[in-house]
């Protein structure tokens, strides 16, 4: 596994733990709480989505992210 893949996997775990502790959230809140760039957040969300661990719903101006 490449260094980038490892980093994205670690951040995906951090996102999962954040959602586990805080419930449904927006990408902006997750990004701010974890102090990560948007690009890495969206890679991590893709990782979690591919593993079928999260639900992503679009609302008027953003998205809602929650654990399944």
Protein backbone atom coordinates (compact mmCIF):
# COMPACT_ATOMS: atom_id res chain seq x y z
CA UNK A 1 0.00 0.00 0.00
CA UNK A 2 1.38 3.41 -0.89
CA UNK A 3 2.06 6.10 1.68
CA UNK A 4 -0.87 8.16 0.35
CA UNK A 5 -3.25 5.18 0.58
CA UNK A 6 -2.13 4.54 4.13
CA UNK A 7 -2.72 8.19 5.05
CA UNK A 8 -6.20 8.19 3.48
CA UNK A 9 -7.03 4.98 5.36
CA UNK A 10 -5.93 6.51 8.66
CA UNK A 11 -7.99 9.66 8.00
CA UNK A 12 -10.97 7.47 7.03
CA UNK A 13 -10.67 5.87 10.46
CA UNK A 14 -10.52 9.30 12.08
CA UNK A 15 -13.66 10.35 10.18
CA UNK A 16 -15.44 7.15 11.23
CA UNK A 17 -14.55 7.76 14.89
CA UNK A 18 -15.67 11.39 14.65
CA UNK A 19 -19.05 10.33 13.25
CA UNK A 20 -19.33 7.58 15.87
CA UNK A 21 -18.81 10.09 18.68
CA UNK A 22 -20.69 13.07 17.21
CA UNK A 23 -23.38 11.60 14.95
CA UNK A 24 -24.45 12.99 11.59
CA UNK A 25 -22.34 15.89 10.40
CA UNK A 26 -21.52 18.09 7.44
CA UNK A 27 -18.21 17.85 5.59
CA UNK A 28 -17.30 21.36 6.80
CA UNK A 29 -17.72 20.35 10.46
CA UNK A 30 -15.73 17.15 9.98
CA UNK A 31 -12.95 18.99 8.14
CA UNK A 32 -12.76 21.65 10.84
CA UNK A 33 -12.85 19.18 13.74
CA UNK A 34 -10.11 16.99 12.25
CA UNK A 35 -8.02 19.84 10.82
CA UNK A 36 -7.61 18.23 7.40
CA UNK A 37 -7.75 19.61 3.85
CA UNK A 38 -10.95 19.16 1.83
CA UNK A 39 -9.21 16.95 -0.72
CA UNK A 40 -8.13 14.45 1.95
CA UNK A 41 -11.57 14.53 3.58
CA UNK A 42 -13.29 13.66 0.31
CA UNK A 43 -10.80 10.85 -0.37
CA UNK A 44 -11.55 9.47 3.10
CA UNK A 45 -15.30 9.77 2.54
CA UNK A 46 -14.90 7.89 -0.74
CA UNK A 47 -12.98 5.17 1.12
CA UNK A 48 -15.74 4.85 3.75
CA UNK A 49 -18.44 4.94 1.09
CA UNK A 50 -16.73 2.18 -0.89
CA UNK A 51 -16.59 0.10 2.30
CA UNK A 52 -20.35 0.78 2.75
CA UNK A 53 -19.80 2.33 6.19
CA UNK A 54 -21.44 5.73 5.66
CA UNK A 55 -24.55 7.31 4.20
CA UNK A 56 -24.14 10.54 2.24
CA UNK A 57 -27.25 12.63 1.62
CA UNK A 58 -27.35 15.89 -0.29
CA UNK A 59 -29.27 18.80 1.18
CA UNK A 60 -29.75 22.31 -0.23
CA UNK A 61 -26.18 23.58 0.10
CA UNK A 62 -24.05 20.69 1.31
CA UNK A 63 -24.13 17.05 2.34
CA UNK A 64 -25.02 15.17 5.49
CA UNK A 65 -22.67 12.34 6.42
CA UNK A 66 -23.67 9.60 8.87
CA UNK A 67 -22.59 6.10 9.78
CA UNK A 68 -24.73 3.22 8.55
